[in-house]
Amino acid sequence: MIVRDRVFEILSLTYSEGVKFTSQDVYDLTFPVLSRTNPFNNGLKGTVLRELQVLRDLNHMKFHTPGIYSLT
């Protein structure tokens, strides 16, 4: 499973469509899972932010203001 799928799965299980959350919320939720599969990746925060952008581009989520998101 690629990182994007893991991030989306965790968000889908945690937040309902339209519920707003922050990038820090996403990082706090996904870090424990992603760090187990990638223990030597010191750039996980950047990876998570990049995947949020990809998920937005795929219309899986919406950016409201800088750092505020929701699932669509």
Protein backbone atom coordinates (compact mmCIF):
# COMPACT_ATOMS: atom_id res chain seq x y z
CA MET A 1 0.00 0.00 0.00
CA ILE A 2 1.40 3.38 -0.94
CA VAL A 3 1.60 6.28 1.51
CA ARG A 4 -1.26 8.16 -0.14
CA ASP A 5 -3.60 5.20 0.31
CA ARG A 6 -2.63 4.86 3.96
CA VAL A 7 -3.16 8.56 4.63
CA PHE A 8 -6.55 8.53 2.89
CA GLU A 9 -7.63 5.37 4.70
CA ILE A 10 -6.74 6.83 8.11
CA LEU A 11 -8.52 10.10 7.30
CA SER A 12 -11.62 8.28 6.02
CA LEU A 13 -11.82 6.22 9.18
CA THR A 14 -11.36 9.28 11.40
CA TYR A 15 -13.28 12.10 9.71
CA SER A 16 -16.67 12.29 8.03
CA GLU A 17 -17.09 14.12 4.75
CA GLY A 18 -17.07 17.89 5.29
CA VAL A 19 -15.52 17.79 8.79
CA LYS A 20 -12.56 20.18 8.90
CA PHE A 21 -9.14 19.17 10.25
CA THR A 22 -5.63 20.60 10.24
CA SER A 23 -2.43 19.37 8.68
CA GLN A 24 -1.10 18.83 12.22
CA ASP A 25 -4.11 16.61 12.95
CA VAL A 26 -3.26 14.54 9.87
CA TYR A 27 0.38 14.30 10.85
CA ASP A 28 -0.49 13.28 14.42
CA LEU A 29 -2.84 10.56 13.12
CA THR A 30 -0.60 9.18 10.39
CA PHE A 31 2.85 9.44 11.99
CA PRO A 32 2.51 6.34 14.21
CA VAL A 33 1.47 4.19 11.23
CA LEU A 34 3.89 5.62 8.69
CA SER A 35 6.88 5.61 11.04
CA ARG A 36 6.44 1.86 11.60
CA THR A 37 6.65 1.14 7.88
CA ASN A 38 9.34 3.79 7.22
CA PRO A 39 11.35 4.02 10.47
CA PHE A 40 14.33 5.84 8.94
CA ASN A 41 12.35 8.45 7.01
CA ASN A 42 13.03 11.79 8.70
CA GLY A 43 10.88 13.61 6.14
CA LEU A 44 7.50 12.14 7.01
CA LYS A 45 5.92 15.51 7.68
CA GLY A 46 6.82 16.69 4.18
CA THR A 47 5.60 13.40 2.75
CA VAL A 48 2.24 13.78 4.50
CA LEU A 49 1.87 17.37 3.24
CA ARG A 50 2.68 16.26 -0.31
CA GLU A 51 0.12 13.46 -0.12
CA LEU A 52 -2.52 15.95 1.09
CA GLN A 53 -1.88 17.97 -2.07
CA VAL A 54 -2.17 14.86 -4.24
CA LEU A 55 -5.40 13.85 -2.52
CA ARG A 56 -6.72 17.36 -3.17
CA ASP A 57 -5.75 17.11 -6.84
CA LEU A 58 -7.59 13.76 -7.04
CA ASN A 59 -10.69 15.49 -5.55
CA HIS A 60 -10.63 13.37 -2.39
CA MET A 61 -10.29 16.42 -0.19
CA LYS A 62 -10.69 20.17 -0.19
CA PHE A 63 -8.36 22.92 1.06
CA HIS A 64 -10.30 25.62 2.93
CA THR A 65 -7.53 27.91 4.15
CA PRO A 66 -3.82 27.25 4.64
CA GLY A 67 -3.55 24.15 6.82
CA ILE A 68 -7.32 23.45 7.01
CA TYR A 69 -8.81 20.56 5.03
CA SER A 70 -11.91 18.36 4.73
CA LEU A 71 -12.77 15.18 2.87
CA THR A 72 -15.08 15.48 -0.13
